[in-house]
Amino acid sequence: MRRKHHDLMLWQEAMALVKEVYRVTGNFPRDEIYALTSQMRRAAVSVPSNIAEGAGRNGEKEFFQFLSITRGSLCELETQILIAKDVEYLDDCDDLLVRMDKVFSLLGGLINSLRGRRA
């Protein structure tokens, strides 16, 4: 069964971001499994999860609120990616950051669209 969030390009790109985060964190040191690895995976998973939850709510106001939470999760994940690069767990995070920028852009577009309808 398809839900309406399945058709959102934002949700689709966020799902791809999760897969990429899981892939790169799989190479982190084993002693990071309960630290940075776990934090990055949880932040990444919360992005499409909040989009889906907001889309499944009763109205645009609630959807907007969940999209704001999504933005916070993206900022958290971005910070964690930069930390992973700084501590040399990631050699090259450019592709990951490009994918993240795409999600940020799509999220901003949807938020602006909802704001326009509310005005």
N, C-alpha and C. Protein backbone atom coordinates (compact mmCIF):
# COMPACT_ATOMS: atom_id res chain seq x y z
N MET A 1 0.84 -1.18 0.00
CA MET A 1 0.00 0.00 0.00
C MET A 1 0.88 1.24 0.00
N ARG A 2 0.57 2.16 -0.91
CA ARG A 2 1.34 3.40 -0.98
C ARG A 2 0.70 4.47 -0.11
N ARG A 3 1.55 5.19 0.57
CA ARG A 3 1.12 6.34 1.36
C ARG A 3 1.51 7.60 0.61
N LYS A 4 0.90 8.73 0.97
CA LYS A 4 1.16 9.95 0.20
C LYS A 4 2.62 10.42 0.31
N HIS A 5 3.28 10.11 1.42
CA HIS A 5 4.68 10.55 1.54
C HIS A 5 5.60 9.77 0.61
N HIS A 6 5.18 8.60 0.16
CA HIS A 6 6.00 7.82 -0.78
C HIS A 6 6.22 8.58 -2.09
N ASP A 7 5.29 9.44 -2.44
CA ASP A 7 5.39 10.21 -3.69
C ASP A 7 6.21 11.49 -3.55
N LEU A 8 6.57 11.84 -2.34
CA LEU A 8 7.35 13.06 -2.12
C LEU A 8 8.82 12.81 -2.48
N MET A 9 9.35 13.60 -3.39
CA MET A 9 10.76 13.51 -3.75
C MET A 9 11.63 13.70 -2.51
N LEU A 10 11.20 14.57 -1.61
CA LEU A 10 11.92 14.81 -0.37
C LEU A 10 12.08 13.51 0.43
N TRP A 11 11.01 12.78 0.60
CA TRP A 11 11.07 11.52 1.36
C TRP A 11 11.96 10.51 0.65
N GLN A 12 11.85 10.41 -0.66
CA GLN A 12 12.66 9.48 -1.43
C GLN A 12 14.15 9.79 -1.28
N GLU A 13 14.50 11.07 -1.37
CA GLU A 13 15.91 11.47 -1.21
C GLU A 13 16.39 11.25 0.22
N ALA A 14 15.51 11.47 1.18
CA ALA A 14 15.86 11.23 2.58
C ALA A 14 16.12 9.75 2.83
N MET A 15 15.35 8.89 2.19
CA MET A 15 15.57 7.44 2.31
C MET A 15 16.93 7.06 1.72
N ALA A 16 17.29 7.67 0.60
CA ALA A 16 18.60 7.42 -0.01
C ALA A 16 19.72 7.91 0.90
N LEU A 17 19.50 9.03 1.58
CA LEU A 17 20.49 9.55 2.53
C LEU A 17 20.71 8.55 3.67
N VAL A 18 19.64 7.97 4.18
CA VAL A 18 19.77 6.97 5.25
C VAL A 18 20.66 5.82 4.79
N LYS A 19 20.40 5.31 3.59
CA LYS A 19 21.20 4.19 3.08
C LYS A 19 22.68 4.56 3.00
N GLU A 20 22.95 5.78 2.55
CA GLU A 20 24.34 6.24 2.43
C GLU A 20 24.99 6.37 3.80
N VAL A 21 24.27 6.89 4.77
CA VAL A 21 24.80 7.02 6.13
C VAL A 21 25.11 5.64 6.71
N TYR A 22 24.22 4.69 6.51
CA TYR A 22 24.48 3.34 6.99
C TYR A 22 25.71 2.75 6.32
N ARG A 23 25.87 3.01 5.03
CA ARG A 23 27.01 2.48 4.30
C ARG A 23 28.32 3.04 4.85
N VAL A 24 28.40 4.37 5.00
CA VAL A 24 29.67 4.96 5.44
C VAL A 24 29.97 4.68 6.90
N THR A 25 28.95 4.60 7.74
CA THR A 25 29.21 4.33 9.16
C THR A 25 29.57 2.87 9.40
N GLY A 26 29.30 2.02 8.43
CA GLY A 26 29.71 0.62 8.54
C GLY A 26 31.21 0.45 8.57
N ASN A 27 31.92 1.48 8.11
CA ASN A 27 33.39 1.45 8.11
C ASN A 27 34.02 2.15 9.31
N PHE A 28 33.20 2.67 10.21
CA PHE A 28 33.73 3.34 11.39
C PHE A 28 34.35 2.31 12.33
N PRO A 29 35.25 2.76 13.22
CA PRO A 29 35.83 1.82 14.19
C PRO A 29 34.75 1.15 15.04
N ARG A 30 35.00 -0.08 15.39
CA ARG A 30 34.03 -0.87 16.16
C ARG A 30 33.67 -0.21 17.49
N ASP A 31 34.62 0.48 18.11
CA ASP A 31 34.33 1.10 19.40
C ASP A 31 33.41 2.32 19.28
N GLU A 32 33.05 2.71 18.07
CA GLU A 32 32.12 3.83 17.85
C GLU A 32 30.68 3.35 17.66
N ILE A 33 30.44 2.05 17.73
CA ILE A 33 29.12 1.52 17.44
C ILE A 33 28.03 2.14 18.31
N TYR A 34 28.34 2.44 19.57
CA TYR A 34 27.34 3.02 20.47
C TYR A 34 27.51 4.53 20.61
N ALA A 35 28.40 5.09 19.85
CA ALA A 35 28.66 6.53 19.93
C ALA A 35 28.29 7.19 18.60
N LEU A 36 29.29 7.63 17.86
CA LEU A 36 29.05 8.40 16.64
C LEU A 36 28.27 7.60 15.59
N THR A 37 28.56 6.33 15.45
CA THR A 37 27.82 5.50 14.48
C THR A 37 26.34 5.51 14.80
N SER A 38 26.01 5.24 16.03
CA SER A 38 24.62 5.20 16.46
C SER A 38 23.94 6.56 16.33
N GLN A 39 24.64 7.61 16.73
CA GLN A 39 24.08 8.97 16.64
C GLN A 39 23.77 9.35 15.19
N MET A 40 24.71 9.06 14.30
CA MET A 40 24.51 9.42 12.89
C MET A 40 23.36 8.62 12.29
N ARG A 41 23.29 7.36 12.60
CA ARG A 41 22.21 6.54 12.05
C ARG A 41 20.85 6.98 12.57
N ARG A 42 20.78 7.29 13.85
CA ARG A 42 19.49 7.75 14.41
C ARG A 42 19.07 9.08 13.82
N ALA A 43 20.01 10.00 13.66
CA ALA A 43 19.67 11.30 13.07
C ALA A 43 19.21 11.11 11.63
N ALA A 44 19.90 10.26 10.88
CA ALA A 44 19.53 10.02 9.49
C ALA A 44 18.15 9.38 9.39
N VAL A 45 17.88 8.39 10.21
CA VAL A 45 16.59 7.69 10.19
C VAL A 45 15.46 8.64 10.57
N SER A 46 15.73 9.59 11.43
CA SER A 46 14.67 10.50 11.86
C SER A 46 14.22 11.44 10.73
N VAL A 47 15.06 11.64 9.72
CA VAL A 47 14.70 12.56 8.63
C VAL A 47 13.49 12.03 7.85
N PRO A 48 13.57 10.87 7.18
CA PRO A 48 12.38 10.40 6.47
C PRO A 48 11.24 10.01 7.41
N SER A 49 11.59 9.60 8.64
CA SER A 49 10.55 9.22 9.60
C SER A 49 9.67 10.41 9.96
N ASN A 50 10.29 11.57 10.20
CA ASN A 50 9.50 12.75 10.53
C ASN A 50 8.70 13.27 9.34
N ILE A 51 9.26 13.14 8.14
CA ILE A 51 8.51 13.52 6.94
C ILE A 51 7.26 12.64 6.83
N ALA A 52 7.44 11.34 7.00
CA ALA A 52 6.31 10.41 6.92
C ALA A 52 5.28 10.68 8.01
N GLU A 53 5.75 10.88 9.23
CA GLU A 53 4.81 11.12 10.32
C GLU A 53 4.03 12.40 10.10
N GLY A 54 4.72 13.45 9.67
CA GLY A 54 4.02 14.71 9.42
C GLY A 54 3.01 14.59 8.29
N ALA A 55 3.38 13.87 7.24
CA ALA A 55 2.47 13.69 6.10
C ALA A 55 1.25 12.88 6.51
N GLY A 56 1.41 12.02 7.49
CA GLY A 56 0.31 11.19 7.94
C GLY A 56 -0.60 11.86 8.96
N ARG A 57 -0.26 13.04 9.37
CA ARG A 57 -1.08 13.76 10.35
C ARG A 57 -2.28 14.41 9.68
N ASN A 58 -3.08 15.12 10.48
CA ASN A 58 -4.36 15.62 10.01
C ASN A 58 -4.33 16.88 9.17
N GLY A 59 -3.29 17.67 9.26
CA GLY A 59 -3.32 18.92 8.51
C GLY A 59 -1.95 19.49 8.23
N GLU A 60 -1.95 20.59 7.50
CA GLU A 60 -0.70 21.22 7.10
C GLU A 60 0.06 21.80 8.27
N LYS A 61 -0.65 22.27 9.29
CA LYS A 61 0.04 22.83 10.46
C LYS A 61 0.91 21.77 11.13
N GLU A 62 0.37 20.58 11.30
CA GLU A 62 1.15 19.50 11.92
C GLU A 62 2.28 19.06 10.99
N PHE A 63 1.99 18.99 9.69
CA PHE A 63 3.02 18.61 8.72
C PHE A 63 4.17 19.60 8.79
N PHE A 64 3.85 20.89 8.83
CA PHE A 64 4.86 21.94 8.92
C PHE A 64 5.72 21.74 10.17
N GLN A 65 5.10 21.41 11.29
CA GLN A 65 5.83 21.20 12.54
C GLN A 65 6.83 20.03 12.39
N PHE A 66 6.40 18.95 11.78
CA PHE A 66 7.29 17.80 11.61
C PHE A 66 8.40 18.10 10.61
N LEU A 67 8.13 18.96 9.63
CA LEU A 67 9.18 19.36 8.70
C LEU A 67 10.23 20.21 9.41
N SER A 68 9.81 21.00 10.38
CA SER A 68 10.76 21.78 11.18
C SER A 68 11.65 20.85 12.01
N ILE A 69 11.07 19.80 12.55
CA ILE A 69 11.85 18.81 13.29
C ILE A 69 12.83 18.11 12.35
N THR A 70 12.37 17.84 11.14
CA THR A 70 13.23 17.23 10.13
C THR A 70 14.45 18.09 9.86
N ARG A 71 14.25 19.39 9.75
CA ARG A 71 15.37 20.30 9.51
C ARG A 71 16.38 20.22 10.65
N GLY A 72 15.91 20.13 11.88
CA GLY A 72 16.80 19.99 13.02
C GLY A 72 17.61 18.71 12.96
N SER A 73 16.97 17.62 12.55
CA SER A 73 17.68 16.34 12.42
C SER A 73 18.75 16.41 11.34
N LEU A 74 18.44 17.10 10.25
CA LEU A 74 19.43 17.27 9.18
C LEU A 74 20.63 18.07 9.67
N CYS A 75 20.39 19.12 10.43
CA CYS A 75 21.49 19.92 10.97
C CYS A 75 22.34 19.09 11.93
N GLU A 76 21.67 18.27 12.73
CA GLU A 76 22.39 17.38 13.65
C GLU A 76 23.27 16.41 12.86
N LEU A 77 22.71 15.80 11.82
CA LEU A 77 23.46 14.86 11.01
C LEU A 77 24.63 15.53 10.31
N GLU A 78 24.43 16.73 9.80
CA GLU A 78 25.51 17.46 9.15
C GLU A 78 26.68 17.67 10.11
N THR A 79 26.37 18.07 11.33
CA THR A 79 27.39 18.27 12.34
C THR A 79 28.15 16.97 12.63
N GLN A 80 27.43 15.89 12.72
CA GLN A 80 28.05 14.60 13.00
C GLN A 80 28.94 14.14 11.84
N ILE A 81 28.51 14.42 10.62
CA ILE A 81 29.34 14.08 9.45
C ILE A 81 30.65 14.86 9.50
N LEU A 82 30.57 16.14 9.83
CA LEU A 82 31.77 16.97 9.91
C LEU A 82 32.69 16.50 11.04
N ILE A 83 32.10 16.07 12.14
CA ILE A 83 32.90 15.51 13.24
C ILE A 83 33.60 14.23 12.77
N ALA A 84 32.87 13.37 12.09
CA ALA A 84 33.46 12.12 11.58
C ALA A 84 34.61 12.42 10.63
N LYS A 85 34.48 13.46 9.83
CA LYS A 85 35.57 13.84 8.93
C LYS A 85 36.76 14.36 9.74
N ASP A 86 36.48 15.21 10.74
CA ASP A 86 37.54 15.80 11.55
C ASP A 86 38.34 14.75 12.33
N VAL A 87 37.68 13.69 12.77
CA VAL A 87 38.39 12.64 13.52
C VAL A 87 38.87 11.53 12.59
N GLU A 88 38.77 11.81 11.30
CA GLU A 88 39.30 10.95 10.24
C GLU A 88 38.63 9.58 10.13
N TYR A 89 37.33 9.53 10.43
CA TYR A 89 36.55 8.32 10.17
C TYR A 89 36.03 8.32 8.74
N LEU A 90 35.91 9.52 8.17
CA LEU A 90 35.48 9.68 6.78
C LEU A 90 36.62 10.34 6.01
N ASP A 91 37.09 9.68 4.98
CA ASP A 91 38.12 10.28 4.13
C ASP A 91 37.54 11.40 3.29
N ASP A 92 36.40 11.10 2.69
CA ASP A 92 35.76 12.04 1.76
C ASP A 92 34.27 12.02 2.04
N CYS A 93 33.75 13.13 2.50
CA CYS A 93 32.32 13.20 2.80
C CYS A 93 31.58 14.09 1.80
N ASP A 94 32.25 14.46 0.70
CA ASP A 94 31.64 15.37 -0.27
C ASP A 94 30.35 14.82 -0.86
N ASP A 95 30.34 13.55 -1.26
CA ASP A 95 29.12 12.97 -1.84
C ASP A 95 27.98 12.95 -0.83
N LEU A 96 28.30 12.64 0.39
CA LEU A 96 27.30 12.61 1.45
C LEU A 96 26.74 14.02 1.70
N LEU A 97 27.61 15.01 1.71
CA LEU A 97 27.16 16.39 1.92
C LEU A 97 26.36 16.91 0.73
N VAL A 98 26.70 16.48 -0.47
CA VAL A 98 25.91 16.86 -1.66
C VAL A 98 24.51 16.27 -1.55
N ARG A 99 24.42 15.01 -1.17
CA ARG A 99 23.11 14.37 -1.00
C ARG A 99 22.31 15.09 0.09
N MET A 100 23.00 15.46 1.17
CA MET A 100 22.35 16.17 2.24
C MET A 100 21.85 17.53 1.78
N ASP A 101 22.66 18.24 0.98
CA ASP A 101 22.25 19.54 0.45
C ASP A 101 20.99 19.41 -0.40
N LYS A 102 20.88 18.32 -1.15
CA LYS A 102 19.68 18.10 -1.96
C LYS A 102 18.45 17.94 -1.06
N VAL A 103 18.61 17.20 0.03
CA VAL A 103 17.50 17.02 0.97
C VAL A 103 17.15 18.36 1.62
N PHE A 104 18.17 19.13 2.02
CA PHE A 104 17.93 20.46 2.59
C PHE A 104 17.14 21.33 1.60
N SER A 105 17.54 21.31 0.35
CA SER A 105 16.89 22.12 -0.68
C SER A 105 15.43 21.72 -0.88
N LEU A 106 15.20 20.42 -1.00
CA LEU A 106 13.82 19.94 -1.17
C LEU A 106 12.97 20.25 0.06
N LEU A 107 13.56 20.11 1.22
CA LEU A 107 12.85 20.42 2.46
C LEU A 107 12.48 21.90 2.52
N GLY A 108 13.45 22.76 2.18
CA GLY A 108 13.17 24.19 2.17
C GLY A 108 12.08 24.55 1.19
N GLY A 109 12.08 23.92 0.03
CA GLY A 109 11.04 24.18 -0.96
C GLY A 109 9.67 23.78 -0.46
N LEU A 110 9.58 22.64 0.19
CA LEU A 110 8.29 22.19 0.72
C LEU A 110 7.82 23.09 1.86
N ILE A 111 8.73 23.46 2.73
CA ILE A 111 8.38 24.37 3.83
C ILE A 111 7.88 25.69 3.28
N ASN A 112 8.58 26.25 2.30
CA ASN A 112 8.16 27.52 1.70
C ASN A 112 6.81 27.39 1.02
N SER A 113 6.57 26.26 0.38
CA SER A 113 5.28 26.03 -0.26
C SER A 113 4.15 26.00 0.77
N LEU A 114 4.39 25.31 1.87
CA LEU A 114 3.38 25.26 2.92
C LEU A 114 3.16 26.63 3.55
N ARG A 115 4.24 27.38 3.73
CA ARG A 115 4.12 28.74 4.29
C ARG A 115 3.26 29.61 3.36
N GLY A 116 3.48 29.46 2.05
CA GLY A 116 2.73 30.24 1.07
C GLY A 116 1.24 29.94 1.12
N ARG A 117 0.89 28.70 1.37
CA ARG A 117 -0.52 28.31 1.45
C ARG A 117 -1.14 28.79 2.75
N ARG A 118 -0.32 28.94 3.78
CA ARG A 118 -0.85 29.36 5.09
C ARG A 118 -1.03 30.87 5.17
N ALA A 119 -0.34 31.61 4.28
CA ALA A 119 -0.38 33.08 4.35
C ALA A 119 -1.67 33.63 3.78
